[in-house]
Amino acid sequence: MKKISFQEMVEQISREVPRYNSHVYFFMREALDFTIKLFEKPLEGPGRHVSGSELLEGVRKYALQEYGPMAKTVLNRWGIHRCEDFGDVVFIMVEKGVLGKTEEDRKEDFSGGYDFDTAFLQPFRPSRRRADVEAPALSAVP
């Protein structure tokens, strides 16, 4: 049997599960690599395993790095609205053999991770104190 490329696998997944935009699968693969580096995991072997909570944190940081204040908008456009959606994507990829998992890994590991507004919008909102300090005082011109 011919081994298919990641691109071909994503195309197949997108046909079978149209709920998510195909871009999210490429993003998750990149976010996983980012997370492995973030948590200084070995490049191979069982120590490379990333938990659901580690992956959620890596995904959050990677999305902010890549998309800045548009991160939430981009993710929403791809069909990702909550952490549970990341879990669904991961387990679709596991089912298709793109990612591996341990016996302890469960979809529920992605439940209730973080609020998207707090995770993806709050870092770009001005703090109240900073806005007060930076606002110039109005004065009458003589």
C-alpha atoms as a PDB file:
ATOM      1  CA  MET A   1       0.000   0.000   0.000  1.00  0.00           C
ATOM      2  CA  LYS A   2       1.342   3.415  -0.986  1.00  0.00           C
ATOM      3  CA  LYS A   3       2.045   5.728   1.924  1.00  0.00           C
ATOM      4  CA  ILE A   4       0.222   9.014   1.380  1.00  0.00           C
ATOM      5  CA  SER A   5       1.628  12.438   2.162  1.00  0.00           C
ATOM      6  CA  PHE A   6       0.448  14.639   4.992  1.00  0.00           C
ATOM      7  CA  GLN A   7      -1.161  16.938   2.403  1.00  0.00           C
ATOM      8  CA  GLU A   8      -3.119  14.015   0.942  1.00  0.00           C
ATOM      9  CA  MET A   9      -4.153  12.870   4.421  1.00  0.00           C
ATOM     10  CA  VAL A  10      -5.424  16.362   5.247  1.00  0.00           C
ATOM     11  CA  GLU A  11      -7.410  16.451   2.020  1.00  0.00           C
ATOM     12  CA  GLN A  12      -8.956  13.096   2.913  1.00  0.00           C
ATOM     13  CA  ILE A  13      -9.749  14.218   6.478  1.00  0.00           C
ATOM     14  CA  SER A  14     -11.290  17.456   5.181  1.00  0.00           C
ATOM     15  CA  ARG A  15     -13.630  15.500   2.908  1.00  0.00           C
ATOM     16  CA  GLU A  16     -14.635  13.144   5.721  1.00  0.00           C
ATOM     17  CA  VAL A  17     -14.823  15.769   8.503  1.00  0.00           C
ATOM     18  CA  PRO A  18     -15.752  19.102   6.900  1.00  0.00           C
ATOM     19  CA  ARG A  19     -16.413  20.669  10.321  1.00  0.00           C
ATOM     20  CA  TYR A  20     -12.850  22.029  10.440  1.00  0.00           C
ATOM     21  CA  ASN A  21     -10.940  23.943   7.776  1.00  0.00           C
ATOM     22  CA  SER A  22      -7.972  22.005   6.407  1.00  0.00           C
ATOM     23  CA  HIS A  23      -5.573  24.718   7.606  1.00  0.00           C
ATOM     24  CA  VAL A  24      -6.149  23.696  11.223  1.00  0.00           C
ATOM     25  CA  TYR A  25      -4.457  20.319  10.658  1.00  0.00           C
ATOM     26  CA  PHE A  26      -1.296  21.971   9.353  1.00  0.00           C
ATOM     27  CA  PHE A  27      -1.452  24.443  12.232  1.00  0.00           C
ATOM     28  CA  MET A  28      -1.801  21.641  14.806  1.00  0.00           C
ATOM     29  CA  ARG A  29       1.152  19.769  13.356  1.00  0.00           C
ATOM     30  CA  GLU A  30       3.286  22.937  13.572  1.00  0.00           C
ATOM     31  CA  ALA A  31       1.923  23.732  17.049  1.00  0.00           C
ATOM     32  CA  LEU A  32       2.891  20.250  18.221  1.00  0.00           C
ATOM     33  CA  ASP A  33       6.472  20.762  17.016  1.00  0.00           C
ATOM     34  CA  PHE A  34       6.478  24.176  18.722  1.00  0.00           C
ATOM     35  CA  THR A  35       5.204  22.586  21.953  1.00  0.00           C
ATOM     36  CA  ILE A  36       7.866  19.877  21.904  1.00  0.00           C
ATOM     37  CA  LYS A  37      10.522  22.602  21.708  1.00  0.00           C
ATOM     38  CA  LEU A  38       8.727  24.799  24.262  1.00  0.00           C
ATOM     39  CA  PHE A  39       8.754  22.042  26.865  1.00  0.00           C
ATOM     40  CA  GLU A  40      12.226  20.842  25.792  1.00  0.00           C
ATOM     41  CA  LYS A  41      11.068  17.336  24.962  1.00  0.00           C
ATOM     42  CA  PRO A  42      13.470  14.857  23.341  1.00  0.00           C
ATOM     43  CA  LEU A  43      13.208  14.534  19.570  1.00  0.00           C
ATOM     44  CA  GLU A  44      12.159  10.881  19.804  1.00  0.00           C
ATOM     45  CA  GLY A  45      11.134   8.190  22.256  1.00  0.00           C
ATOM     46  CA  PRO A  46       8.509   8.113  25.005  1.00  0.00           C
ATOM     47  CA  GLY A  47       9.854  11.301  26.617  1.00  0.00           C
ATOM     48  CA  ARG A  48       8.684  13.210  23.550  1.00  0.00           C
ATOM     49  CA  HIS A  49       5.028  12.696  24.556  1.00  0.00           C
ATOM     50  CA  VAL A  50       3.043  15.896  25.041  1.00  0.00           C
ATOM     51  CA  SER A  51       0.035  15.916  27.374  1.00  0.00           C
ATOM     52  CA  GLY A  52      -3.247  17.584  26.463  1.00  0.00           C
ATOM     53  CA  SER A  53      -2.600  20.483  28.842  1.00  0.00           C
ATOM     54  CA  GLU A  54       0.932  20.971  27.480  1.00  0.00           C
ATOM     55  CA  LEU A  55      -0.395  20.960  23.930  1.00  0.00           C
ATOM     56  CA  LEU A  56      -3.097  23.500  24.791  1.00  0.00           C
ATOM     57  CA  GLU A  57      -0.460  25.829  26.224  1.00  0.00           C
ATOM     58  CA  GLY A  58       1.786  25.313  23.211  1.00  0.00           C
ATOM     59  CA  VAL A  59      -1.120  25.913  20.820  1.00  0.00           C
ATOM     60  CA  ARG A  60      -2.004  29.133  22.646  1.00  0.00           C
ATOM     61  CA  LYS A  61       1.555  30.468  22.520  1.00  0.00           C
ATOM     62  CA  TYR A  62       2.079  29.380  18.921  1.00  0.00           C
ATOM     63  CA  ALA A  63      -1.186  30.979  17.756  1.00  0.00           C
ATOM     64  CA  LEU A  64      -0.284  34.248  19.493  1.00  0.00           C
ATOM     65  CA  GLN A  65       3.194  34.164  17.942  1.00  0.00           C
ATOM     66  CA  GLU A  66       1.914  33.404  14.441  1.00  0.00           C
ATOM     67  CA  TYR A  67      -1.298  35.438  14.281  1.00  0.00           C
ATOM     68  CA  GLY A  68      -1.016  38.022  17.062  1.00  0.00           C
ATOM     69  CA  PRO A  69      -4.279  39.865  17.744  1.00  0.00           C
ATOM     70  CA  MET A  70      -5.930  37.933  14.891  1.00  0.00           C
ATOM     71  CA  ALA A  71      -5.351  34.512  16.521  1.00  0.00           C
ATOM     72  CA  LYS A  72      -8.908  34.067  17.807  1.00  0.00           C
ATOM     73  CA  THR A  73     -10.391  35.245  14.499  1.00  0.00           C
ATOM     74  CA  VAL A  74      -8.222  32.830  12.493  1.00  0.00           C
ATOM     75  CA  LEU A  75      -8.999  29.888  14.768  1.00  0.00           C
ATOM     76  CA  ASN A  76     -12.726  30.667  14.725  1.00  0.00           C
ATOM     77  CA  ARG A  77     -12.692  30.829  10.928  1.00  0.00           C
ATOM     78  CA  TRP A  78     -11.156  27.359  10.901  1.00  0.00           C
ATOM     79  CA  GLY A  79     -13.976  26.046  13.126  1.00  0.00           C
ATOM     80  CA  ILE A  80     -12.045  26.194  16.407  1.00  0.00           C
ATOM     81  CA  HIS A  81     -14.044  27.963  19.134  1.00  0.00           C
ATOM     82  CA  ARG A  82     -12.994  26.196  22.330  1.00  0.00           C
ATOM     83  CA  CYS A  83     -10.262  23.923  23.653  1.00  0.00           C
ATOM     84  CA  GLU A  84     -12.424  20.858  23.071  1.00  0.00           C
ATOM     85  CA  ASP A  85     -12.175  21.571  19.321  1.00  0.00           C
ATOM     86  CA  PHE A  86      -8.391  21.211  19.564  1.00  0.00           C
ATOM     87  CA  GLY A  87      -8.970  17.830  21.209  1.00  0.00           C
ATOM     88  CA  ASP A  88     -11.307  16.793  18.399  1.00  0.00           C
ATOM     89  CA  VAL A  89      -8.706  17.748  15.791  1.00  0.00           C
ATOM     90  CA  VAL A  90      -5.950  15.893  17.648  1.00  0.00           C
ATOM     91  CA  PHE A  91      -8.027  12.743  17.944  1.00  0.00           C
ATOM     92  CA  ILE A  92      -9.076  12.894  14.288  1.00  0.00           C
ATOM     93  CA  MET A  93      -5.360  12.998  13.473  1.00  0.00           C
ATOM     94  CA  VAL A  94      -4.715  10.095  15.873  1.00  0.00           C
ATOM     95  CA  GLU A  95      -7.510   8.062  14.260  1.00  0.00           C
ATOM     96  CA  LYS A  96      -5.954   8.646  10.824  1.00  0.00           C
ATOM     97  CA  GLY A  97      -2.508   7.625  12.069  1.00  0.00           C
ATOM     98  CA  VAL A  98      -0.992  11.094  11.705  1.00  0.00           C
ATOM     99  CA  LEU A  99      -0.353  11.415  15.462  1.00  0.00           C
ATOM    100  CA  GLY A 100       0.224   8.835  18.149  1.00  0.00           C
ATOM    101  CA  LYS A 101      -1.202   8.639  21.646  1.00  0.00           C
ATOM    102  CA  THR A 102      -0.662   6.797  24.896  1.00  0.00           C
ATOM    103  CA  GLU A 103      -3.233   4.759  26.803  1.00  0.00           C
ATOM    104  CA  GLU A 104      -3.672   7.695  29.201  1.00  0.00           C
ATOM    105  CA  ASP A 105      -4.506  10.251  26.483  1.00  0.00           C
ATOM    106  CA  ARG A 106      -8.184  11.154  26.243  1.00  0.00           C
ATOM    107  CA  LYS A 107     -10.235  13.770  24.411  1.00  0.00           C
ATOM    108  CA  GLU A 108     -11.383  14.992  27.809  1.00  0.00           C
ATOM    109  CA  ASP A 109      -7.822  16.203  28.474  1.00  0.00           C
ATOM    110  CA  PHE A 110      -8.747  19.209  26.324  1.00  0.00           C
ATOM    111  CA  SER A 111     -11.958  20.075  28.184  1.00  0.00           C
ATOM    112  CA  GLY A 112     -12.106  23.411  29.951  1.00  0.00           C
ATOM    113  CA  GLY A 113      -8.554  24.399  29.084  1.00  0.00           C
ATOM    114  CA  TYR A 114      -8.951  28.159  28.730  1.00  0.00           C
ATOM    115  CA  ASP A 115     -11.396  30.796  27.648  1.00  0.00           C
ATOM    116  CA  PHE A 116     -10.596  31.958  24.113  1.00  0.00           C
ATOM    117  CA  ASP A 117     -11.182  35.654  24.824  1.00  0.00           C
ATOM    118  CA  THR A 118      -8.807  35.534  27.788  1.00  0.00           C
ATOM    119  CA  ALA A 119      -6.214  33.447  25.954  1.00  0.00           C
ATOM    120  CA  PHE A 120      -6.196  35.188  22.582  1.00  0.00           C
ATOM    121  CA  LEU A 121      -7.571  38.709  23.070  1.00  0.00           C
ATOM    122  CA  GLN A 122      -6.498  39.734  26.576  1.00  0.00           C
ATOM    123  CA  PRO A 123      -2.763  39.830  25.767  1.00  0.00           C
ATOM    124  CA  PHE A 124      -3.444  42.645  23.288  1.00  0.00           C
ATOM    125  CA  ARG A 125      -5.785  44.770  25.371  1.00  0.00           C
ATOM    126  CA  PRO A 126      -4.190  47.795  26.988  1.00  0.00           C
ATOM    127  CA  SER A 127      -3.967  47.583  30.722  1.00  0.00           C
ATOM    128  CA  ARG A 128      -6.028  50.175  32.546  1.00  0.00           C
ATOM    129  CA  ARG A 129      -3.054  51.614  34.406  1.00  0.00           C
ATOM    130  CA  ARG A 130      -0.925  51.942  31.272  1.00  0.00           C
ATOM    131  CA  ALA A 131      -3.751  53.690  29.413  1.00  0.00           C
ATOM    132  CA  ASP A 132      -4.136  56.170  32.292  1.00  0.00           C
ATOM    133  CA  VAL A 133      -0.412  56.927  32.361  1.00  0.00           C
ATOM    134  CA  GLU A 134      -0.042  57.263  28.589  1.00  0.00           C
ATOM    135  CA  ALA A 135      -3.094  59.469  28.064  1.00  0.00           C
ATOM    136  CA  PRO A 136      -1.939  63.072  27.720  1.00  0.00           C
ATOM    137  CA  ALA A 137      -3.589  65.622  29.948  1.00  0.00           C
ATOM    138  CA  LEU A 138      -5.782  68.117  28.184  1.00  0.00           C
ATOM    139  CA  SER A 139      -4.992  71.757  28.830  1.00  0.00           C
ATOM    140  CA  ALA A 140      -6.251  74.991  27.449  1.00  0.00           C
ATOM    141  CA  VAL A 141      -3.935  76.732  25.040  1.00  0.00           C
ATOM    142  CA  PRO A 142      -3.501  80.441  25.982  1.00  0.00           C
END
